[in-house]
Protein backbone atom coordinates (compact mmCIF):
# COMPACT_ATOMS: atom_id res chain seq x y z
CA MET A 1 113.34 -1.98 -92.71
CA ARG A 2 110.51 -1.02 -94.48
CA ARG A 3 108.17 -4.01 -94.87
CA ILE A 4 106.70 -4.55 -98.77
CA ARG A 5 103.65 -6.29 -99.49
CA THR A 6 104.10 -10.01 -100.61
CA ILE A 7 103.80 -11.18 -103.98
CA ALA A 8 101.52 -13.93 -102.72
CA ALA A 9 99.28 -10.89 -101.81
CA THR A 10 100.22 -9.07 -105.13
CA LEU A 11 98.97 -11.99 -106.96
CA ALA A 12 96.42 -13.46 -105.24
CA ILE A 13 97.87 -16.76 -104.37
CA THR A 14 96.85 -18.69 -100.88
CA VAL A 15 99.67 -19.54 -98.96
CA ALA A 16 98.42 -20.17 -95.90
CA ILE A 17 101.06 -18.96 -93.14
CA SER A 18 101.95 -21.50 -90.14
CA PRO A 19 101.30 -20.52 -86.90
CA ALA A 20 104.20 -22.15 -85.45
CA VAL A 21 106.57 -19.58 -87.15
CA THR A 22 108.82 -16.94 -85.22
CA ARG A 23 109.24 -14.02 -86.68
CA ALA A 24 112.26 -12.52 -85.61
CA ALA A 25 112.76 -9.77 -83.27
CA PRO A 26 113.80 -6.14 -83.95
CA ASP A 27 117.25 -6.86 -82.55
CA ASP A 28 117.45 -9.59 -84.55
CA ASP A 29 116.10 -7.95 -87.58
CA ALA A 30 119.01 -5.40 -87.59
CA THR A 31 121.13 -8.77 -87.23
CA LEU A 32 119.50 -10.50 -90.65
CA GLU A 33 120.33 -6.78 -92.20
CA ARG A 34 123.85 -6.77 -91.40
CA TYR A 35 124.39 -10.15 -92.89
CA ALA A 36 122.17 -9.75 -96.41
CA ALA A 37 124.47 -6.24 -96.81
CA ALA A 38 127.84 -8.11 -96.58
CA THR A 39 126.24 -11.39 -98.49
CA TRP A 40 125.59 -8.74 -101.30
CA HIS A 41 128.49 -7.33 -101.48
CA SER A 42 129.95 -10.29 -101.78
CA PHE A 43 127.77 -10.79 -105.00
CA VAL A 44 129.05 -7.52 -106.25
CA LYS A 45 132.61 -8.40 -106.34
CA LEU A 46 131.58 -11.84 -107.59
CA VAL A 47 130.13 -10.72 -110.99
CA GLU A 48 131.99 -10.34 -114.16
CA PRO A 49 130.94 -5.92 -114.86
CA ARG A 50 131.09 -7.22 -118.45
CA THR A 51 128.41 -9.81 -118.76
CA GLY A 52 126.38 -9.87 -115.41
CA LEU A 53 127.69 -13.27 -114.99
CA PRO A 54 128.76 -14.62 -111.04
CA ALA A 55 132.26 -16.86 -110.69
CA ASP A 56 131.91 -19.74 -109.11
CA TYR A 57 133.42 -18.41 -105.85
CA ILE A 58 136.25 -15.66 -104.78
CA ASP A 59 138.64 -15.17 -101.97
CA GLY A 60 138.04 -13.51 -98.94
CA ASP A 61 139.81 -10.71 -99.83
CA LEU A 62 137.34 -10.30 -102.27
CA HIS A 63 139.73 -8.91 -104.79
CA GLN A 64 138.55 -9.71 -108.50
CA ARG A 65 141.98 -11.61 -109.35
CA SER A 66 140.37 -14.09 -106.77
CA ARG A 67 137.61 -14.85 -108.74
CA SER A 68 137.11 -17.99 -110.35
CA GLU A 69 137.20 -18.06 -113.93
CA PHE A 70 134.31 -20.68 -114.60
CA THR A 71 130.51 -20.79 -113.62
CA SER A 72 127.80 -22.80 -113.78
CA PRO A 73 123.86 -22.49 -114.70
CA THR A 74 122.92 -22.89 -110.76
CA ASN A 75 125.63 -20.09 -109.82
CA ILE A 76 123.96 -17.58 -112.63
CA GLY A 77 120.52 -18.57 -110.78
CA MET A 78 122.10 -17.49 -108.00
CA TYR A 79 122.99 -14.25 -108.61
CA MET A 80 119.13 -13.71 -110.14
CA TRP A 81 118.08 -14.78 -106.46
CA ALA A 82 120.51 -12.29 -104.89
CA THR A 83 119.87 -9.54 -107.15
CA LEU A 84 115.84 -9.55 -106.52
CA SER A 85 116.67 -10.19 -102.59
CA ALA A 86 118.99 -6.97 -102.65
CA ARG A 87 115.93 -5.05 -104.23
CA ASP A 88 113.68 -6.15 -102.03
CA LEU A 89 115.56 -5.74 -98.61
CA GLY A 90 116.26 -1.89 -99.89
CA LEU A 91 120.22 -2.33 -100.71
CA ILE A 92 119.62 -1.54 -104.43
CA GLY A 93 117.07 0.39 -105.95
CA ALA A 94 114.62 -1.22 -108.28
CA ALA A 95 116.30 0.56 -110.98
CA GLU A 96 120.00 -0.90 -110.53
CA ALA A 97 118.60 -4.69 -109.97
CA THR A 98 116.52 -4.20 -113.28
CA ASP A 99 119.89 -3.18 -114.86
CA ARG A 100 121.45 -6.08 -113.35
CA LEU A 101 119.48 -8.57 -114.07
CA ALA A 102 118.92 -7.07 -117.97
CA LYS A 103 122.81 -7.44 -118.31
CA THR A 104 122.74 -11.27 -116.88
CA LEU A 105 119.67 -12.28 -119.33
CA ARG A 106 121.44 -10.79 -122.41
CA SER A 107 124.68 -13.42 -121.33
CA VAL A 108 122.63 -16.26 -120.90
CA ASP A 109 120.48 -15.53 -123.93
CA ARG A 110 123.96 -15.75 -125.80
CA LEU A 111 125.37 -18.76 -124.11
CA GLU A 112 125.79 -21.68 -125.98
CA ARG A 113 123.38 -24.41 -125.05
CA HIS A 114 122.01 -27.63 -126.58
CA GLU A 115 119.08 -26.39 -129.33
CA PRO A 116 116.83 -28.80 -128.75
CA SER A 117 115.98 -29.03 -125.40
CA GLY A 118 117.21 -25.49 -124.37
CA GLN A 119 119.22 -26.52 -121.64
CA PHE A 120 122.54 -24.76 -120.66
CA TYR A 121 126.28 -26.74 -120.33
CA ASN A 122 127.35 -27.07 -117.00
CA TRP A 123 130.26 -24.98 -117.07
CA TYR A 124 130.73 -21.61 -118.65
CA ASP A 125 133.30 -18.42 -118.44
CA PRO A 126 131.82 -15.72 -117.25
CA ALA A 127 134.13 -13.38 -119.04
CA THR A 128 134.24 -14.73 -122.20
CA LEU A 129 130.85 -16.72 -122.28
CA ALA A 130 132.96 -19.45 -123.74
CA LYS A 131 131.71 -23.28 -123.30
CA ILE A 132 134.20 -24.80 -120.94
CA THR A 133 136.04 -27.64 -122.26
CA ILE A 134 139.61 -27.13 -120.68
CA TRP A 135 139.45 -26.66 -117.08
CA PRO A 136 141.20 -23.06 -116.25
CA GLU A 137 142.56 -24.52 -112.92
CA ASP A 138 144.56 -27.67 -113.74
CA GLY A 139 143.95 -27.98 -117.42
CA GLY A 140 142.30 -31.35 -117.22
CA THR A 141 139.71 -31.83 -120.14
CA VAL A 142 136.46 -30.91 -119.28
CA TYR A 143 133.37 -32.94 -121.05
CA PRO A 144 130.59 -30.88 -121.67
CA PHE A 145 127.22 -32.12 -119.78
CA MET A 146 123.60 -30.74 -119.28
CA SER A 147 122.60 -31.52 -115.64
CA SER A 148 118.86 -31.53 -114.61
CA VAL A 149 119.57 -30.01 -111.42
CA ASP A 150 121.48 -27.35 -112.51
CA ASN A 151 119.26 -26.44 -115.13
CA GLY A 152 116.73 -26.39 -112.44
CA TRP A 153 118.30 -23.68 -110.05
CA LEU A 154 118.88 -21.71 -113.38
CA ALA A 155 114.94 -22.17 -114.81
CA SER A 156 113.87 -21.42 -111.10
CA ALA A 157 115.63 -17.59 -111.52
CA LEU A 158 114.49 -17.09 -114.18
CA ILE A 159 110.86 -17.82 -113.62
CA MET A 160 110.82 -15.58 -110.69
CA VAL A 161 112.68 -12.72 -112.82
CA ALA A 162 109.74 -13.03 -115.31
CA ASN A 163 107.15 -12.98 -112.04
CA ALA A 164 109.50 -10.15 -110.28
CA VAL A 165 110.26 -7.62 -112.40
CA PRO A 166 107.97 -6.49 -115.21
CA GLU A 167 110.11 -4.83 -117.80
CA LEU A 168 111.89 -8.28 -118.09
CA HIS A 169 108.86 -10.76 -118.09
CA ASP A 170 109.31 -11.30 -121.53
CA GLN A 171 112.55 -11.94 -122.21
CA ALA A 172 112.91 -14.12 -118.88
CA TRP A 173 110.09 -16.25 -119.67
CA THR A 174 111.19 -17.26 -122.77
CA LEU A 175 114.07 -18.25 -121.43
CA ALA A 176 112.73 -20.38 -119.20
CA THR A 177 109.62 -22.05 -121.16
CA SER A 178 112.32 -23.11 -124.07
CA MET A 179 114.05 -25.15 -121.22
CA ASP A 180 112.02 -28.88 -121.82
CA PHE A 181 112.57 -30.91 -118.82
CA GLY A 182 110.86 -33.83 -120.05
CA CYS A 183 113.28 -35.15 -122.30
CA TYR A 184 115.05 -36.21 -118.57
CA TYR A 185 112.29 -37.94 -117.43
CA ASP A 186 112.38 -41.68 -117.88
CA PRO A 187 108.90 -43.13 -117.39
CA GLN A 188 110.47 -46.74 -117.31
CA ALA A 189 112.86 -46.15 -114.26
CA LYS A 190 110.07 -47.05 -111.61
CA ASP A 191 106.47 -46.20 -110.94
CA GLY A 192 105.52 -42.54 -111.69
CA GLY A 193 108.91 -42.10 -113.06
CA LEU A 194 112.63 -40.65 -112.21
CA ILE A 195 114.59 -37.95 -113.71
CA ARG A 196 118.23 -38.90 -114.74
CA GLY A 197 121.09 -37.03 -113.91
CA GLY A 198 121.92 -35.33 -117.50
CA PHE A 199 123.38 -36.34 -120.44
CA TRP A 200 125.94 -36.02 -123.06
CA LEU A 201 126.09 -35.25 -126.52
CA GLU A 202 127.05 -38.66 -128.57
CA GLY A 203 130.77 -38.12 -129.32
CA GLY A 204 131.69 -35.83 -126.30
CA THR A 205 131.46 -38.14 -123.50
CA PRO A 206 134.32 -39.15 -120.97
CA PRO A 207 136.35 -41.98 -120.58
CA ASN A 208 134.75 -45.19 -119.80
CA SER A 209 131.10 -44.15 -120.80
CA GLY A 210 130.63 -46.98 -123.28
CA GLY A 211 128.25 -48.84 -121.13
CA LEU A 212 126.02 -45.58 -120.22
CA PRO A 213 122.34 -45.63 -121.72
CA ARG A 214 122.11 -44.44 -125.21
CA GLY A 215 118.52 -42.76 -126.41
CA ASP A 216 117.12 -40.81 -129.07
CA TYR A 217 116.49 -37.50 -127.00
CA CYS A 218 112.94 -37.01 -127.00
CA GLU A 219 112.62 -38.55 -130.39
CA MET A 220 114.19 -36.15 -132.19
CA GLY A 221 116.68 -38.21 -134.22
CA GLU A 222 119.98 -36.86 -131.85
CA ASN A 223 121.36 -39.61 -130.15
CA VAL A 224 122.74 -38.67 -126.38
CA VAL A 225 124.26 -40.83 -123.78
CA TYR A 226 122.62 -40.54 -120.18
CA THR A 227 124.11 -40.93 -116.80
CA GLY A 228 123.97 -44.33 -115.37
CA HIS A 229 121.77 -43.05 -112.29
CA HIS A 230 118.59 -41.76 -111.53
CA TYR A 231 117.75 -39.34 -109.32
CA GLY A 232 115.89 -41.65 -106.67
CA ALA A 233 115.66 -39.97 -103.42
CA PHE A 234 113.11 -37.39 -103.32
CA ASN A 235 114.00 -35.08 -100.32
CA THR A 236 116.86 -33.88 -102.29
CA GLU A 237 117.58 -30.62 -104.17
CA PRO A 238 117.48 -32.06 -107.35
CA ARG A 239 113.48 -32.00 -107.16
CA ILE A 240 113.41 -28.15 -108.12
CA ALA A 241 113.88 -29.83 -112.12
CA SER A 242 111.03 -32.09 -110.97
CA PHE A 243 108.59 -29.79 -110.01
CA ILE A 244 109.22 -27.18 -113.06
CA GLY A 245 109.01 -29.94 -115.41
CA ILE A 246 105.65 -30.47 -113.63
CA ALA A 247 104.75 -26.77 -113.70
CA LEU A 248 105.96 -26.31 -117.31
CA GLY A 249 103.57 -29.50 -117.97
CA GLN A 250 106.39 -31.40 -119.59
CA ILE A 251 106.23 -34.29 -116.84
CA PRO A 252 103.57 -35.60 -116.14
CA ALA A 253 101.84 -34.93 -112.66
CA GLU A 254 102.24 -38.50 -111.15
CA HIS A 255 106.00 -38.61 -111.08
CA TYR A 256 105.88 -36.33 -108.00
CA PHE A 257 104.99 -40.00 -106.20
CA GLY A 258 108.08 -41.75 -108.03
CA PRO A 259 111.30 -40.93 -106.17
CA TRP A 260 111.33 -43.13 -103.05
CA ARG A 261 110.73 -40.97 -99.26
CA THR A 262 112.87 -43.86 -98.09
CA PHE A 263 113.28 -47.43 -100.20
CA PRO A 264 111.18 -50.24 -98.55
CA ASP A 265 111.68 -52.09 -95.44
CA THR A 266 112.12 -55.33 -97.13
CA CYS A 267 115.46 -57.46 -97.43
CA ASP A 268 115.66 -56.26 -101.15
CA TRP A 269 116.51 -52.99 -99.93
CA SER A 270 118.38 -53.90 -96.41
CA TRP A 271 121.93 -51.99 -97.35
CA PRO A 272 121.35 -48.12 -96.84
CA GLU A 273 121.53 -46.76 -93.42
CA GLN A 274 118.62 -48.21 -91.31
CA LYS A 275 115.20 -50.12 -91.56
CA PRO A 276 113.12 -47.41 -92.12
CA VAL A 277 109.42 -47.13 -90.46
CA GLY A 278 106.84 -46.83 -92.82
CA GLU A 279 103.68 -48.13 -94.58
CA TRP A 280 102.13 -48.27 -98.10
CA ARG A 281 99.94 -45.46 -99.41
CA THR A 282 98.71 -44.72 -103.16
CA TYR A 283 98.39 -41.32 -105.00
CA LEU A 284 97.09 -41.00 -108.82
CA GLY A 285 97.44 -44.72 -108.79
CA ILE A 286 101.12 -44.64 -107.52
CA ASP A 287 102.10 -46.83 -104.80
CA VAL A 288 104.41 -45.04 -102.51
CA PHE A 289 106.36 -46.52 -99.20
CA GLU A 290 105.78 -43.63 -96.65
CA GLY A 291 108.95 -44.63 -94.69
CA ALA A 292 110.89 -42.14 -92.60
CA TYR A 293 114.13 -42.51 -90.89
CA ARG A 294 114.70 -42.47 -86.79
CA TYR A 295 117.27 -39.85 -85.28
CA ASP A 296 116.25 -39.80 -81.47
CA ASP A 297 112.35 -39.35 -81.04
CA GLN A 298 112.54 -37.44 -84.57
CA LEU A 299 110.95 -39.68 -87.64
CA ILE A 300 112.14 -37.28 -90.77
CA VAL A 301 112.21 -38.58 -94.56
CA PRO A 302 115.63 -38.86 -94.77
CA THR A 303 118.04 -36.82 -97.87
CA TRP A 304 120.42 -38.72 -99.53
CA GLY A 305 123.69 -37.65 -97.63
CA GLY A 306 122.83 -36.09 -94.68
CA SER A 307 123.00 -32.87 -95.72
CA MET A 308 120.93 -29.57 -94.99
CA PHE A 309 120.95 -28.04 -98.77
CA GLU A 310 119.51 -31.18 -100.10
CA ALA A 311 116.23 -30.80 -97.72
CA LEU A 312 116.47 -27.24 -97.19
CA MET A 313 117.37 -25.34 -100.54
CA THR A 314 114.30 -25.92 -102.56
CA PRO A 315 111.58 -24.45 -100.01
CA LEU A 316 113.98 -21.35 -100.15
CA VAL A 317 111.60 -20.85 -103.53
CA VAL A 318 108.95 -23.39 -103.11
CA PRO A 319 106.51 -23.43 -100.13
CA GLU A 320 106.37 -26.80 -99.47
CA GLU A 321 105.66 -26.53 -95.50
CA ASP A 322 102.29 -24.23 -96.76
CA TRP A 323 101.44 -26.76 -99.26
CA GLY A 324 101.96 -29.78 -97.85
CA PRO A 325 100.92 -29.59 -93.99
CA ASP A 326 101.25 -33.67 -93.28
CA SER A 327 104.43 -33.97 -95.31
CA TRP A 328 107.13 -31.22 -95.85
CA ALA A 329 105.53 -29.15 -92.73
CA VAL A 330 105.96 -32.01 -90.44
CA THR A 331 109.64 -33.59 -92.21
CA HIS A 332 111.73 -30.09 -92.22
CA PRO A 333 111.26 -28.78 -88.96
CA LEU A 334 112.55 -32.44 -87.73
CA TYR A 335 115.48 -32.73 -89.93
CA VAL A 336 116.73 -29.25 -88.15
CA GLU A 337 116.36 -30.38 -85.36
CA SER A 338 118.49 -33.31 -85.99
CA GLN A 339 120.98 -31.65 -87.36
CA ILE A 340 121.39 -29.08 -84.15
CA GLU A 341 121.18 -32.27 -81.92
CA PHE A 342 123.99 -34.07 -83.97
CA GLY A 343 126.08 -31.00 -83.81
CA LEU A 344 125.32 -29.81 -80.44
CA GLU A 345 124.78 -33.28 -78.23
CA GLU A 346 125.80 -36.16 -79.98
CA ALA A 347 129.11 -35.14 -81.47
CA GLY A 348 129.69 -32.55 -79.08
CA TYR A 349 131.15 -29.96 -81.64
CA GLY A 350 129.20 -27.15 -80.00
CA TYR A 351 128.38 -25.82 -83.39
CA TRP A 352 126.01 -27.48 -85.90
CA GLY A 353 124.99 -26.97 -90.08
CA PHE A 354 126.62 -29.39 -92.06
CA SER A 355 126.02 -29.38 -95.67
CA PRO A 356 128.57 -29.54 -98.66
CA ALA A 357 131.02 -26.58 -99.09
CA SER A 358 134.38 -25.75 -99.35
CA ASN A 359 136.72 -27.46 -97.25
CA PRO A 360 139.09 -25.39 -94.99
CA ALA A 361 142.24 -27.61 -95.63
CA GLY A 362 141.40 -26.79 -99.62
CA GLY A 363 139.21 -27.71 -102.57
CA TYR A 364 135.46 -28.68 -102.26
CA ARG A 365 133.52 -31.59 -100.15
CA GLU A 366 130.10 -32.93 -99.13
CA TYR A 367 129.71 -32.67 -95.47
CA GLY A 368 126.36 -33.95 -93.98
CA VAL A 369 124.77 -35.88 -91.23
CA ASP A 370 125.04 -39.31 -92.27
CA ALA A 371 122.63 -41.01 -90.05
CA ILE A 372 119.70 -38.84 -91.68
CA GLY A 373 120.94 -39.51 -94.96
CA MET A 374 120.15 -42.87 -97.20
CA GLU A 375 123.76 -43.10 -98.81
CA PRO A 376 125.53 -46.12 -96.88
CA ASN A 377 128.66 -44.31 -97.19
CA GLY A 378 126.98 -41.02 -96.87
CA TYR A 379 128.25 -37.57 -96.10
CA ALA A 380 130.24 -37.41 -93.40
CA ALA A 381 130.29 -34.15 -90.76
CA ASP A 382 134.06 -34.94 -89.84
CA VAL A 383 137.42 -34.02 -91.71
CA GLY A 384 138.22 -37.66 -90.84
CA ARG A 385 135.36 -39.04 -91.88
CA LEU A 386 134.98 -40.64 -88.65
CA THR A 387 131.21 -39.97 -88.38
CA HIS A 388 129.50 -42.58 -90.97
CA VAL A 389 127.23 -44.74 -88.67
CA ASP A 390 125.59 -48.13 -89.36
CA TYR A 391 122.17 -48.58 -87.61
CA GLY A 392 121.67 -52.08 -88.77
CA TRP A 393 118.94 -53.97 -90.10
CA ASP A 394 116.68 -55.79 -87.60
CA ASP A 395 115.12 -58.51 -89.91
CA PRO A 396 115.97 -62.10 -89.23
CA ASN A 397 115.87 -62.85 -92.57
CA CYS A 398 118.60 -60.22 -93.40
CA PHE A 399 120.22 -59.24 -90.03
CA ARG A 400 122.91 -56.70 -90.30
CA PRO A 401 124.74 -55.56 -86.73
CA PRO A 402 124.80 -52.06 -86.10
CA VAL A 403 127.90 -50.41 -85.95
CA PRO A 404 128.17 -47.31 -83.90
CA ILE A 405 130.39 -44.52 -84.22
CA THR A 406 133.10 -44.45 -81.52
CA ASP A 407 134.47 -41.40 -81.92
CA TYR A 408 134.54 -37.67 -82.99
CA GLY A 409 137.30 -35.52 -84.46
CA GLN A 410 137.31 -32.58 -86.41
CA GLY A 411 133.62 -31.19 -87.74
CA VAL A 412 133.06 -29.03 -90.72
CA VAL A 413 130.63 -26.35 -89.91
CA THR A 414 129.13 -24.12 -92.82
CA PRO A 415 126.89 -21.14 -92.43
CA HIS A 416 124.67 -21.40 -94.77
CA ALA A 417 123.07 -24.56 -93.14
CA ALA A 418 122.34 -22.23 -89.97
CA PHE A 419 120.78 -19.75 -92.56
CA LEU A 420 118.37 -22.47 -94.29
CA ALA A 421 116.98 -23.37 -91.10
CA LEU A 422 116.01 -19.92 -90.31
CA ASP A 423 112.55 -20.37 -90.96
CA PHE A 424 112.40 -23.47 -89.21
CA ASP A 425 114.10 -22.46 -85.90
CA LEU A 426 115.03 -18.84 -85.61
CA GLU A 427 116.78 -18.73 -82.44
CA ALA A 428 118.95 -21.46 -82.70
CA ALA A 429 120.00 -20.50 -86.53
CA LEU A 430 120.73 -16.76 -85.38
CA ALA A 431 122.12 -18.21 -82.00
CA ASN A 432 125.04 -20.61 -84.25
CA LEU A 433 125.47 -18.09 -86.17
CA ALA A 434 126.23 -15.28 -83.75
CA ASN A 435 129.13 -18.15 -81.75
CA LEU A 436 130.25 -18.75 -85.42
CA GLU A 437 131.22 -14.75 -85.75
CA ALA A 438 132.39 -14.77 -82.21
CA ASP A 439 134.28 -17.80 -82.01
CA PHE A 440 136.13 -17.88 -85.08
CA PRO A 441 138.32 -14.63 -85.86
CA GLY A 442 138.17 -13.86 -89.80
CA MET A 443 135.13 -16.34 -89.76
CA TYR A 444 132.71 -12.69 -90.70
CA GLY A 445 134.28 -10.49 -93.12
CA ARG A 446 133.60 -7.95 -95.50
CA GLY A 447 131.33 -10.37 -97.70
CA GLY A 448 129.75 -11.94 -94.75
CA PHE A 449 130.66 -15.60 -93.57
CA LYS A 450 133.27 -17.57 -94.84
CA ASP A 451 132.60 -20.44 -96.68
CA SER A 452 132.76 -22.78 -93.58
CA VAL A 453 135.45 -23.88 -90.40
CA ASN A 454 136.79 -26.84 -88.96
CA VAL A 455 135.58 -26.24 -85.32
CA ALA A 456 138.31 -28.38 -83.67
CA THR A 457 141.35 -26.44 -85.12
CA GLY A 458 139.65 -23.13 -86.13
CA GLN A 459 141.14 -23.48 -90.21
CA ILE A 460 138.48 -21.33 -92.20
CA ALA A 461 137.60 -21.49 -95.83
CA ASP A 462 138.75 -18.54 -96.85
CA ARG A 463 136.16 -18.23 -99.80
CA TYR A 464 132.83 -16.90 -100.68
CA LEU A 465 130.93 -19.70 -102.96
CA ALA A 466 127.94 -18.07 -105.21
CA LEU A 467 125.82 -21.36 -104.77
CA ASP A 468 126.40 -20.91 -100.71
CA GLN A 469 125.80 -16.85 -100.89
CA GLY A 470 122.86 -17.35 -102.98
CA MET A 471 121.10 -19.61 -100.29
CA VAL A 472 122.30 -17.10 -97.53
CA ILE A 473 120.60 -14.16 -98.95
CA ALA A 474 117.72 -15.94 -100.05
CA ALA A 475 116.75 -17.32 -96.87
CA ILE A 476 117.78 -13.47 -94.83
CA ALA A 477 115.30 -12.07 -97.86
CA ASN A 478 112.40 -14.63 -97.05
CA GLU A 479 112.68 -14.23 -93.43
CA LEU A 480 112.30 -10.38 -93.53
CA LEU A 481 110.19 -10.21 -96.00
CA ASP A 482 107.34 -13.04 -95.14
CA ASP A 483 108.28 -15.06 -98.31
CA GLN A 484 108.21 -12.49 -100.78
CA LEU A 485 111.17 -14.14 -102.75
CA GLN A 486 109.23 -17.50 -102.18
CA GLY A 487 106.39 -16.30 -103.68
CA TYR A 488 107.95 -15.29 -107.12
CA LEU A 489 108.06 -19.14 -107.92
CA ALA A 490 105.25 -20.01 -106.20
CA VAL A 491 103.07 -18.11 -108.34
CA THR A 492 104.00 -20.58 -111.03
CA LEU A 493 104.37 -23.68 -109.68
CA GLN A 494 100.85 -23.32 -107.24
CA PRO A 495 98.54 -24.62 -109.92
CA SER A 496 100.17 -27.89 -110.66
CA LEU A 497 102.25 -28.58 -107.48
CA GLN A 498 100.06 -27.13 -104.35
CA PRO A 499 97.57 -30.29 -104.96
CA LEU A 500 99.92 -33.11 -105.02
CA MET A 501 101.73 -31.93 -101.72
CA ALA A 502 98.62 -31.30 -99.86
CA ILE A 503 96.92 -35.01 -100.62
CA GLU A 504 100.45 -36.93 -99.48
CA GLN A 505 100.84 -37.98 -95.72
CA PHE A 506 104.85 -38.85 -95.32
CA GLY A 507 105.75 -40.98 -92.14
CA ALA A 508 107.27 -38.00 -90.54
CA GLY A 509 106.66 -37.07 -87.23
CA ARG A 510 107.95 -38.23 -83.44
CA THR A 511 108.16 -42.11 -82.16
CA GLY A 512 106.78 -40.71 -78.66
CA PRO A 513 105.60 -38.10 -76.10
């Protein structure tokens, strides 16, 4: 594979390369190239040719009749990631990539959205571009919703196209900068402020929403209905919306220090998985509890549910580990190590990689390692949800006894989680993927890895998801091309985000020698 100059070098971005990074050997490169080609093939089949928008999923046969009749802003963003990756990897030519992206941008520009904010709705028909109000699979009512995290992923892709394809810069940049993330920001939620999950328009809210907070959207005289929650945990995928809002000047820099690394170690917060280890520090006038969770001898900043994509989807396009040497560079590798240790040693599944994915038995489910998530009823790794852990709370004022896991049943592993680990443990990720391909016939198809497998029964989720395939090909492109894909967003985010990441010290690390 021809190596090409990174965008970091082209645009003179200062991104330090960690000396601990392990490069792929030639045989590993060939394997990753094979995976990338098959994964790109799944996107070719996922996309509606007339509009350039991807479906949410397609079945393992890759037949167009099995494409879903709905898509989301995240899925659209993943297709744009994938097209840039395919171009840079030499799977398609530059002209084809530009044509594909131009068609997608034209369709995105035609989608109905919330005009005051520029935010896109959560579901569209990829064939007609219509906003979905009736769910195509069961006829249920859909209440159109503006999601901060979904719009964050779409905006990331638009900025990347603007920086990576000069012919499309103006159109992509105009779309990206017309999206206002500041109106998700709630400065009253906490010191530093938090972003909301999203909002509906008044009159288009789901049942039983009467108690949800109302507001004058950005003081524009329009009433909206906000979700009842904010995104309070920092090491989760919604941080992409925060990062873009900060970089575009729509959210203040202090917000970076608003979300919880962990909740504090006091009785008021004694309901999560375990009592954290940590101390308070102050950045930009915001007091931050730099907490961490124990898993064996690892001290990691937990996610909400303990899944891989919460922690490691964002660094596919944001060089967190380079910009945050005392924060993200410490916790990301240890988070991967904890996932591996859980799957291979603690649970004894023989495989690892736990992240929301298709359920092999049907539908979609959140999978994770409960011990490294904050949510008490967090994401289980197992079909039977036997893998919920409670480490208890070791404090005489609010003592809670530990409840250990006593049994492990049918673990569900998703390949995209292993691809997310490429940058942090290349050898382990490739070995895990090779085992999944070899041990489960049908797991690897013409579109690459199917979405998940029950490693106890061998039942496979015979489906390709745009979200998960987007993470797969982005991770491969970064590994083979020295983080070039990551650089397309970094050039825009660096001036605002790198200084914030550089000054923080997480409580992550190891507990002993």
